[in-house]
Amino acid sequence: MSGAFTIAAKDFRSLVNSPLFFLLAGVCCAIWSINFLNLLGDFAQRGMFGQEASIHFTVFLSHLSTVNIILLFAIPALTMKLLAEEKKMRTYDLLLTAPITATDIVLGKFLAGYGAALVLMTISFLYPLTTSLVSDFHFGPLLTSYFGLSLLLAIYVAVGLFSSSLTQSVMFSVILGVLFILSLWFLSQGINVSDRPLVQSVMEHVSLGEQFSGFIRGSLRISSVVFFVSTAVLFVFLTQRVVESSRWR
C-alpha cells in the first residue's frame, strides 16, 4: 500500500499544480459564480413578493445540479493525465517495470484523481457556505447532498481512470469517459421501458439519478452508499485488469 500512497501523493501534486487544473478551476468558478448569483437574485425576488420558498431546493440544489454537470465533463479531462498521458509521454512502461503491483498503480492514480476532484467540489461548496452569513438554513440537507456528490465523483474518477487506461490518446480518453458517465445517467430512462415491477426495480437500483435523488432530499440511505462505492470499485477493478494485462504484452 505504501507504493499506492506514493503514487497518489506524486500524481495529486502534479494534477493540482498543472495549468489544466487551474484552467478547469477558473472556468468552474466563473460559471458557478454567475449561476449562483442569479439563483440568489431569483430567490430574493420571490421573498420580496411574499412567495415562500426553501433556499435548499430553489438555490442550493440548482447550484448542485450545475456543479454536477460541469464536473461530469471536467473530471474525465483531469483523469486523462493519469494513464493516457503517461502512455503518450512514454513513462507508462517505466511505471509498469517499477517494483509495485498493478493494484498499487491503479489505487494510487484513483486516489490522486479523487483528491483533485474533491478540491473542485470543495470550491463549489464555498458558495452555499458563504450564504450562511446572510441567511439562516439547516446544514443537514446541504451536507447530505454534498456527501452524495462526493460519492458520485468517486464514480466519475473511476470511470475516467478506466477510460484513460484504454488508450494513449488524451482526447479519446476524455470522450470515452464522458460517454461512459452519460451512459450510466441514461440508465434511468430504462425505468419506463418495461411495466414489469422487477425490471423497473432493477433499473431503478442501477440508476445514478434515482440513487442520487435520495441524497438531494436529505435522506442518507445505506443502499445508495453501497451502490456508489461498489460502482466505483467495479471500474477501479476493471482498470486494474487493463494495467495488469499491459505487463504481459
C-alpha atoms as a PDB file:
ATOM      1  CA  MET A   1       0.000   0.000   0.000  1.00  0.00           C
ATOM      2  CA  SER A   2       2.949   2.340   0.508  1.00  0.00           C
ATOM      3  CA  GLY A   3       3.517   2.298  -3.244  1.00  0.00           C
ATOM      4  CA  ALA A   4      -0.081   3.343  -3.859  1.00  0.00           C
ATOM      5  CA  PHE A   5       0.181   6.285  -1.453  1.00  0.00           C
ATOM      6  CA  THR A   6       3.483   7.345  -3.007  1.00  0.00           C
ATOM      7  CA  ILE A   7       1.906   7.405  -6.472  1.00  0.00           C
ATOM      8  CA  ALA A   8      -1.181   9.167  -5.085  1.00  0.00           C
ATOM      9  CA  ALA A   9       0.872  11.937  -3.470  1.00  0.00           C
ATOM     10  CA  LYS A  10       3.040  12.464  -6.563  1.00  0.00           C
ATOM     11  CA  ASP A  11       0.156  12.476  -9.036  1.00  0.00           C
ATOM     12  CA  PHE A  12      -2.045  14.639  -6.805  1.00  0.00           C
ATOM     13  CA  ARG A  13       0.631  17.332  -6.672  1.00  0.00           C
ATOM     14  CA  SER A  14       1.084  17.013 -10.422  1.00  0.00           C
ATOM     15  CA  LEU A  15      -2.651  17.367 -11.055  1.00  0.00           C
ATOM     16  CA  VAL A  16      -3.408  20.349  -8.810  1.00  0.00           C
ATOM     17  CA  ASN A  17      -0.276  22.215  -9.939  1.00  0.00           C
ATOM     18  CA  SER A  18      -0.929  21.684 -13.638  1.00  0.00           C
ATOM     19  CA  PRO A  19      -2.148  24.510 -15.923  1.00  0.00           C
ATOM     20  CA  LEU A  20      -5.094  22.292 -16.877  1.00  0.00           C
ATOM     21  CA  PHE A  21      -6.326  22.160 -13.281  1.00  0.00           C
ATOM     22  CA  PHE A  22      -6.094  25.945 -12.887  1.00  0.00           C
ATOM     23  CA  LEU A  23      -7.914  26.388 -16.194  1.00  0.00           C
ATOM     24  CA  LEU A  24     -10.683  23.997 -15.165  1.00  0.00           C
ATOM     25  CA  ALA A  25     -10.952  25.588 -11.717  1.00  0.00           C
ATOM     26  CA  GLY A  26     -11.154  29.052 -13.279  1.00  0.00           C
ATOM     27  CA  VAL A  27     -13.868  28.038 -15.729  1.00  0.00           C
ATOM     28  CA  CYS A  28     -15.797  26.278 -12.952  1.00  0.00           C
ATOM     29  CA  CYS A  29     -15.598  29.306 -10.667  1.00  0.00           C
ATOM     30  CA  ALA A  30     -16.747  31.651 -13.417  1.00  0.00           C
ATOM     31  CA  ILE A  31     -19.769  29.518 -14.313  1.00  0.00           C
ATOM     32  CA  TRP A  32     -20.688  28.743 -10.690  1.00  0.00           C
ATOM     33  CA  SER A  33     -20.361  32.394  -9.635  1.00  0.00           C
ATOM     34  CA  ILE A  34     -22.659  33.685 -12.358  1.00  0.00           C
ATOM     35  CA  ASN A  35     -25.164  30.893 -11.835  1.00  0.00           C
ATOM     36  CA  PHE A  36     -25.213  31.181  -8.020  1.00  0.00           C
ATOM     37  CA  LEU A  37     -25.654  34.949  -8.063  1.00  0.00           C
ATOM     38  CA  ASN A  38     -28.580  34.572 -10.473  1.00  0.00           C
ATOM     39  CA  LEU A  39     -30.145  31.925  -8.239  1.00  0.00           C
ATOM     40  CA  LEU A  40     -29.776  34.131  -5.167  1.00  0.00           C
ATOM     41  CA  GLY A  41     -31.288  37.059  -7.064  1.00  0.00           C
ATOM     42  CA  ASP A  42     -34.330  34.991  -8.077  1.00  0.00           C
ATOM     43  CA  PHE A  43     -34.698  33.714  -4.506  1.00  0.00           C
ATOM     44  CA  ALA A  44     -34.542  37.252  -3.112  1.00  0.00           C
ATOM     45  CA  GLN A  45     -37.176  38.421  -5.585  1.00  0.00           C
ATOM     46  CA  ARG A  46     -39.527  35.654  -4.500  1.00  0.00           C
ATOM     47  CA  GLY A  47     -39.128  36.798  -0.908  1.00  0.00           C
ATOM     48  CA  MET A  48     -39.893  40.381  -1.860  1.00  0.00           C
ATOM     49  CA  PHE A  49     -43.169  39.308  -3.484  1.00  0.00           C
ATOM     50  CA  GLY A  50     -44.154  37.213  -0.475  1.00  0.00           C
ATOM     51  CA  GLN A  51     -43.592  33.830  -2.130  1.00  0.00           C
ATOM     52  CA  GLU A  52     -42.383  31.235   0.344  1.00  0.00           C
ATOM     53  CA  ALA A  53     -39.537  29.096  -0.929  1.00  0.00           C
ATOM     54  CA  SER A  54     -36.857  26.859   0.521  1.00  0.00           C
ATOM     55  CA  ILE A  55     -33.338  28.069  -0.144  1.00  0.00           C
ATOM     56  CA  HIS A  56     -32.167  24.454  -0.209  1.00  0.00           C
ATOM     57  CA  PHE A  57     -34.467  23.425  -3.061  1.00  0.00           C
ATOM     58  CA  THR A  58     -34.529  26.695  -5.007  1.00  0.00           C
ATOM     59  CA  VAL A  59     -30.883  27.738  -4.735  1.00  0.00           C
ATOM     60  CA  PHE A  60     -28.607  25.031  -3.389  1.00  0.00           C
ATOM     61  CA  LEU A  61     -29.972  22.134  -5.443  1.00  0.00           C
ATOM     62  CA  SER A  62     -29.929  24.181  -8.645  1.00  0.00           C
ATOM     63  CA  HIS A  63     -26.332  25.095  -7.856  1.00  0.00           C
ATOM     64  CA  LEU A  64     -25.555  21.436  -7.128  1.00  0.00           C
ATOM     65  CA  SER A  65     -27.071  20.418 -10.460  1.00  0.00           C
ATOM     66  CA  THR A  66     -24.821  22.887 -12.288  1.00  0.00           C
ATOM     67  CA  VAL A  67     -21.798  21.647 -10.321  1.00  0.00           C
ATOM     68  CA  ASN A  68     -22.599  18.068 -11.290  1.00  0.00           C
ATOM     69  CA  ILE A  69     -22.945  18.900 -14.984  1.00  0.00           C
ATOM     70  CA  ILE A  70     -19.668  20.828 -15.073  1.00  0.00           C
ATOM     71  CA  LEU A  71     -17.719  18.163 -13.173  1.00  0.00           C
ATOM     72  CA  LEU A  72     -19.180  15.448 -15.403  1.00  0.00           C
ATOM     73  CA  PHE A  73     -17.027  16.917 -18.180  1.00  0.00           C
ATOM     74  CA  ALA A  74     -14.178  18.267 -16.050  1.00  0.00           C
ATOM     75  CA  ILE A  75     -13.304  15.014 -14.254  1.00  0.00           C
ATOM     76  CA  PRO A  76     -12.569  12.997 -17.436  1.00  0.00           C
ATOM     77  CA  ALA A  77     -10.406  15.919 -18.574  1.00  0.00           C
ATOM     78  CA  LEU A  78      -8.420  15.626 -15.331  1.00  0.00           C
ATOM     79  CA  THR A  79      -8.127  11.848 -15.283  1.00  0.00           C
ATOM     80  CA  MET A  80      -6.787  11.715 -18.839  1.00  0.00           C
ATOM     81  CA  LYS A  81      -3.444  12.761 -17.373  1.00  0.00           C
ATOM     82  CA  LEU A  82      -3.274   9.752 -15.072  1.00  0.00           C
ATOM     83  CA  LEU A  83      -2.668   6.973 -17.615  1.00  0.00           C
ATOM     84  CA  ALA A  84      -3.345   8.093 -21.190  1.00  0.00           C
ATOM     85  CA  GLU A  85      -0.859  10.965 -20.960  1.00  0.00           C
ATOM     86  CA  GLU A  86       1.719   8.655 -19.363  1.00  0.00           C
ATOM     87  CA  LYS A  87       1.367   6.347 -22.355  1.00  0.00           C
ATOM     88  CA  LYS A  88       1.745   9.280 -24.702  1.00  0.00           C
ATOM     89  CA  MET A  89       4.842  10.537 -22.864  1.00  0.00           C
ATOM     90  CA  ARG A  90       6.367   7.003 -22.810  1.00  0.00           C
ATOM     91  CA  THR A  91       6.569   6.963 -18.999  1.00  0.00           C
ATOM     92  CA  TYR A  92       3.922   4.255 -18.693  1.00  0.00           C
ATOM     93  CA  ASP A  93       6.414   1.461 -19.462  1.00  0.00           C
ATOM     94  CA  LEU A  94       8.699   2.708 -16.703  1.00  0.00           C
ATOM     95  CA  LEU A  95       5.777   2.626 -14.304  1.00  0.00           C
ATOM     96  CA  LEU A  96       4.979  -0.973 -15.242  1.00  0.00           C
ATOM     97  CA  THR A  97       8.562  -2.072 -14.599  1.00  0.00           C
ATOM     98  CA  ALA A  98       8.674  -0.425 -11.157  1.00  0.00           C
ATOM     99  CA  PRO A  99       8.644  -2.778  -8.127  1.00  0.00           C
ATOM    100  CA  ILE A 100       4.969  -2.147  -7.402  1.00  0.00           C
ATOM    101  CA  THR A 101       1.824  -4.066  -8.245  1.00  0.00           C
ATOM    102  CA  ALA A 102      -0.835  -3.097 -10.759  1.00  0.00           C
ATOM    103  CA  THR A 103      -3.204  -2.628  -7.820  1.00  0.00           C
ATOM    104  CA  ASP A 104      -0.827  -0.074  -6.278  1.00  0.00           C
ATOM    105  CA  ILE A 105      -0.632   1.800  -9.564  1.00  0.00           C
ATOM    106  CA  VAL A 106      -4.384   1.945 -10.107  1.00  0.00           C
ATOM    107  CA  LEU A 107      -5.248   2.694  -6.484  1.00  0.00           C
ATOM    108  CA  GLY A 108      -2.655   5.464  -6.335  1.00  0.00           C
ATOM    109  CA  LYS A 109      -3.920   7.006  -9.570  1.00  0.00           C
ATOM    110  CA  PHE A 110      -7.512   6.808  -8.354  1.00  0.00           C
ATOM    111  CA  LEU A 111      -6.716   8.481  -5.025  1.00  0.00           C
ATOM    112  CA  ALA A 112      -4.856  11.275  -6.826  1.00  0.00           C
ATOM    113  CA  GLY A 113      -7.737  11.905  -9.214  1.00  0.00           C
ATOM    114  CA  TYR A 114     -10.305  11.691  -6.438  1.00  0.00           C
ATOM    115  CA  GLY A 115      -8.338  14.146  -4.326  1.00  0.00           C
ATOM    116  CA  ALA A 116      -8.237  16.652  -7.188  1.00  0.00           C
ATOM    117  CA  ALA A 117     -11.967  16.169  -7.780  1.00  0.00           C
ATOM    118  CA  LEU A 118     -12.679  16.834  -4.100  1.00  0.00           C
ATOM    119  CA  VAL A 119     -10.737  20.096  -4.333  1.00  0.00           C
ATOM    120  CA  LEU A 120     -13.082  21.270  -7.096  1.00  0.00           C
ATOM    121  CA  MET A 121     -16.086  20.072  -5.104  1.00  0.00           C
ATOM    122  CA  THR A 122     -14.879  21.967  -2.032  1.00  0.00           C
ATOM    123  CA  ILE A 123     -14.638  25.152  -4.091  1.00  0.00           C
ATOM    124  CA  SER A 124     -18.262  24.687  -5.149  1.00  0.00           C
ATOM    125  CA  PHE A 125     -19.272  24.143  -1.507  1.00  0.00           C
ATOM    126  CA  LEU A 126     -17.959  27.596  -0.587  1.00  0.00           C
ATOM    127  CA  TYR A 127     -20.867  29.227  -2.439  1.00  0.00           C
ATOM    128  CA  PRO A 128     -23.723  27.893  -0.269  1.00  0.00           C
ATOM    129  CA  LEU A 129     -21.428  28.059   2.769  1.00  0.00           C
ATOM    130  CA  THR A 130     -20.962  31.820   2.433  1.00  0.00           C
ATOM    131  CA  THR A 131     -24.746  32.189   2.157  1.00  0.00           C
ATOM    132  CA  SER A 132     -24.942  31.276   5.848  1.00  0.00           C
ATOM    133  CA  LEU A 133     -23.534  34.749   6.605  1.00  0.00           C
ATOM    134  CA  VAL A 134     -26.731  36.415   5.382  1.00  0.00           C
ATOM    135  CA  SER A 135     -29.352  33.661   5.680  1.00  0.00           C
ATOM    136  CA  ASP A 136     -30.364  31.002   8.181  1.00  0.00           C
ATOM    137  CA  PHE A 137     -30.885  27.451   6.915  1.00  0.00           C
ATOM    138  CA  HIS A 138     -30.390  23.866   8.028  1.00  0.00           C
ATOM    139  CA  PHE A 139     -26.992  22.471   7.103  1.00  0.00           C
ATOM    140  CA  GLY A 140     -28.144  18.843   7.309  1.00  0.00           C
ATOM    141  CA  PRO A 141     -29.712  18.528   3.822  1.00  0.00           C
ATOM    142  CA  LEU A 142     -26.847  20.520   2.269  1.00  0.00           C
ATOM    143  CA  LEU A 143     -24.181  18.298   3.833  1.00  0.00           C
ATOM    144  CA  THR A 144     -26.090  15.154   2.844  1.00  0.00           C
ATOM    145  CA  SER A 145     -26.350  16.401  -0.746  1.00  0.00           C
ATOM    146  CA  TYR A 146     -22.631  17.113  -0.906  1.00  0.00           C
ATOM    147  CA  PHE A 147     -21.832  13.748   0.634  1.00  0.00           C
ATOM    148  CA  GLY A 148     -23.815  12.161  -2.188  1.00  0.00           C
ATOM    149  CA  LEU A 149     -21.924  14.320  -4.687  1.00  0.00           C
ATOM    150  CA  SER A 150     -18.592  13.151  -3.232  1.00  0.00           C
ATOM    151  CA  LEU A 151     -19.654   9.535  -3.803  1.00  0.00           C
ATOM    152  CA  LEU A 152     -20.796  10.425  -7.313  1.00  0.00           C
ATOM    153  CA  LEU A 153     -17.399  11.975  -8.031  1.00  0.00           C
ATOM    154  CA  ALA A 154     -15.740   8.711  -6.982  1.00  0.00           C
ATOM    155  CA  ILE A 155     -17.617   7.034  -9.849  1.00  0.00           C
ATOM    156  CA  TYR A 156     -16.639   9.817 -12.275  1.00  0.00           C
ATOM    157  CA  VAL A 157     -12.967   9.447 -11.338  1.00  0.00           C
ATOM    158  CA  ALA A 158     -13.071   5.635 -11.556  1.00  0.00           C
ATOM    159  CA  VAL A 159     -14.776   5.774 -14.961  1.00  0.00           C
ATOM    160  CA  GLY A 160     -12.356   8.440 -16.193  1.00  0.00           C
ATOM    161  CA  LEU A 161      -9.392   6.388 -14.980  1.00  0.00           C
ATOM    162  CA  PHE A 162     -10.740   3.303 -16.743  1.00  0.00           C
ATOM    163  CA  SER A 163     -11.164   5.287 -19.962  1.00  0.00           C
ATOM    164  CA  SER A 164      -7.636   6.632 -19.577  1.00  0.00           C
ATOM    165  CA  SER A 165      -6.295   3.074 -19.318  1.00  0.00           C
ATOM    166  CA  LEU A 166      -7.841   2.038 -22.637  1.00  0.00           C
ATOM    167  CA  THR A 167      -5.993   4.453 -24.913  1.00  0.00           C
ATOM    168  CA  GLN A 168      -2.937   6.661 -25.237  1.00  0.00           C
ATOM    169  CA  SER A 169      -4.963   9.416 -26.902  1.00  0.00           C
ATOM    170  CA  VAL A 170      -5.821  12.013 -24.261  1.00  0.00           C
ATOM    171  CA  MET A 171      -8.723  13.426 -26.258  1.00  0.00           C
ATOM    172  CA  PHE A 172     -10.202   9.995 -26.914  1.00  0.00           C
ATOM    173  CA  SER A 173      -9.840   9.257 -23.205  1.00  0.00           C
ATOM    174  CA  VAL A 174     -11.930  12.327 -22.346  1.00  0.00           C
ATOM    175  CA  ILE A 175     -14.595  11.420 -24.905  1.00  0.00           C
ATOM    176  CA  LEU A 176     -14.784   7.837 -23.646  1.00  0.00           C
ATOM    177  CA  GLY A 177     -15.055   8.989 -20.049  1.00  0.00           C
ATOM    178  CA  VAL A 178     -17.897  11.397 -20.800  1.00  0.00           C
ATOM    179  CA  LEU A 179     -19.749   8.779 -22.863  1.00  0.00           C
ATOM    180  CA  PHE A 180     -19.439   6.141 -20.131  1.00  0.00           C
ATOM    181  CA  ILE A 181     -20.674   8.559 -17.454  1.00  0.00           C
ATOM    182  CA  LEU A 182     -23.586   9.724 -19.601  1.00  0.00           C
ATOM    183  CA  SER A 183     -24.488   6.085 -20.244  1.00  0.00           C
ATOM    184  CA  LEU A 184     -24.737   5.497 -16.503  1.00  0.00           C
ATOM    185  CA  TRP A 185     -27.036   8.503 -16.159  1.00  0.00           C
ATOM    186  CA  PHE A 186     -29.223   7.437 -19.089  1.00  0.00           C
ATOM    187  CA  LEU A 187     -29.875   4.084 -17.445  1.00  0.00           C
ATOM    188  CA  SER A 188     -32.576   5.904 -15.501  1.00  0.00           C
ATOM    189  CA  GLN A 189     -34.560   6.104 -18.728  1.00  0.00           C
ATOM    190  CA  GLY A 190     -34.885   2.332 -18.629  1.00  0.00           C
ATOM    191  CA  ILE A 191     -37.366   2.584 -15.758  1.00  0.00           C
ATOM    192  CA  ASN A 192     -40.107   3.395 -18.259  1.00  0.00           C
ATOM    193  CA  VAL A 193     -39.078   0.707 -20.765  1.00  0.00           C
ATOM    194  CA  SER A 194     -40.995  -2.114 -19.100  1.00  0.00           C
ATOM    195  CA  ASP A 195     -44.151  -2.343 -16.999  1.00  0.00           C
ATOM    196  CA  ARG A 196     -42.794  -5.282 -15.030  1.00  0.00           C
ATOM    197  CA  PRO A 197     -42.101  -4.340 -11.399  1.00  0.00           C
ATOM    198  CA  LEU A 198     -38.946  -6.494 -11.289  1.00  0.00           C
ATOM    199  CA  VAL A 199     -37.404  -4.797 -14.335  1.00  0.00           C
ATOM    200  CA  GLN A 200     -38.314  -1.359 -13.030  1.00  0.00           C
ATOM    201  CA  SER A 201     -36.839  -2.210  -9.629  1.00  0.00           C
ATOM    202  CA  VAL A 202     -33.554  -3.347 -11.195  1.00  0.00           C
ATOM    203  CA  MET A 203     -33.303  -0.296 -13.464  1.00  0.00           C
ATOM    204  CA  GLU A 204     -34.091   1.988 -10.549  1.00  0.00           C
ATOM    205  CA  HIS A 205     -31.364   0.372  -8.466  1.00  0.00           C
ATOM    206  CA  VAL A 206     -28.672   0.854 -11.140  1.00  0.00           C
ATOM    207  CA  SER A 207     -29.730   4.412 -11.964  1.00  0.00           C
ATOM    208  CA  LEU A 208     -27.400   7.181 -10.809  1.00  0.00           C
ATOM    209  CA  GLY A 209     -30.261   9.657 -10.871  1.00  0.00           C
ATOM    210  CA  GLU A 210     -32.530   7.583  -8.671  1.00  0.00           C
ATOM    211  CA  GLN A 211     -29.774   6.821  -6.167  1.00  0.00           C
ATOM    212  CA  PHE A 212     -28.562  10.420  -6.053  1.00  0.00           C
ATOM    213  CA  SER A 213     -32.068  11.830  -5.579  1.00  0.00           C
ATOM    214  CA  GLY A 214     -32.187  10.377  -2.068  1.00  0.00           C
ATOM    215  CA  PHE A 215     -29.162  12.432  -1.021  1.00  0.00           C
ATOM    216  CA  ILE A 216     -30.709  15.544  -2.560  1.00  0.00           C
ATOM    217  CA  ARG A 217     -33.800  15.110  -0.398  1.00  0.00           C
ATOM    218  CA  GLY A 218     -31.578  14.853   2.676  1.00  0.00           C
ATOM    219  CA  SER A 219     -32.011  11.090   3.057  1.00  0.00           C
ATOM    220  CA  LEU A 220     -28.894   9.043   3.816  1.00  0.00           C
ATOM    221  CA  ARG A 221     -29.585   5.516   2.588  1.00  0.00           C
ATOM    222  CA  ILE A 222     -27.066   2.747   3.121  1.00  0.00           C
ATOM    223  CA  SER A 223     -28.170   1.028  -0.104  1.00  0.00           C
ATOM    224  CA  SER A 224     -27.283   4.149  -2.105  1.00  0.00           C
ATOM    225  CA  VAL A 225     -23.876   4.421  -0.419  1.00  0.00           C
ATOM    226  CA  VAL A 226     -23.193   0.752  -1.204  1.00  0.00           C
ATOM    227  CA  PHE A 227     -24.260   1.293  -4.825  1.00  0.00           C
ATOM    228  CA  PHE A 228     -21.947   4.270  -5.377  1.00  0.00           C
ATOM    229  CA  VAL A 229     -18.990   2.620  -3.669  1.00  0.00           C
ATOM    230  CA  SER A 230     -19.457  -0.716  -5.464  1.00  0.00           C
ATOM    231  CA  THR A 231     -19.778   1.006  -8.859  1.00  0.00           C
ATOM    232  CA  ALA A 232     -16.556   2.945  -8.264  1.00  0.00           C
ATOM    233  CA  VAL A 233     -14.810  -0.242  -7.088  1.00  0.00           C
ATOM    234  CA  LEU A 234     -16.005  -2.058 -10.224  1.00  0.00           C
ATOM    235  CA  PHE A 235     -14.378   0.469 -12.565  1.00  0.00           C
ATOM    236  CA  VAL A 236     -11.215   0.578 -10.451  1.00  0.00           C
ATOM    237  CA  PHE A 237     -11.067  -3.219 -10.717  1.00  0.00           C
ATOM    238  CA  LEU A 238     -11.549  -3.076 -14.494  1.00  0.00           C
ATOM    239  CA  THR A 239      -8.707  -0.556 -14.706  1.00  0.00           C
ATOM    240  CA  GLN A 240      -6.523  -2.855 -12.614  1.00  0.00           C
ATOM    241  CA  ARG A 241      -7.150  -5.705 -15.058  1.00  0.00           C
ATOM    242  CA  VAL A 242      -6.217  -3.473 -18.003  1.00  0.00           C
ATOM    243  CA  VAL A 243      -2.982  -2.356 -16.333  1.00  0.00           C
ATOM    244  CA  GLU A 244      -2.157  -5.917 -15.265  1.00  0.00           C
ATOM    245  CA  SER A 245      -2.646  -7.160 -18.811  1.00  0.00           C
ATOM    246  CA  SER A 246      -0.231  -4.495 -20.051  1.00  0.00           C
ATOM    247  CA  ARG A 247       2.545  -6.123 -18.029  1.00  0.00           C
ATOM    248  CA  TRP A 248       2.255  -9.291 -20.101  1.00  0.00           C
ATOM    249  CA  ARG A 249       2.247  -7.729 -23.529  1.00  0.00           C
END
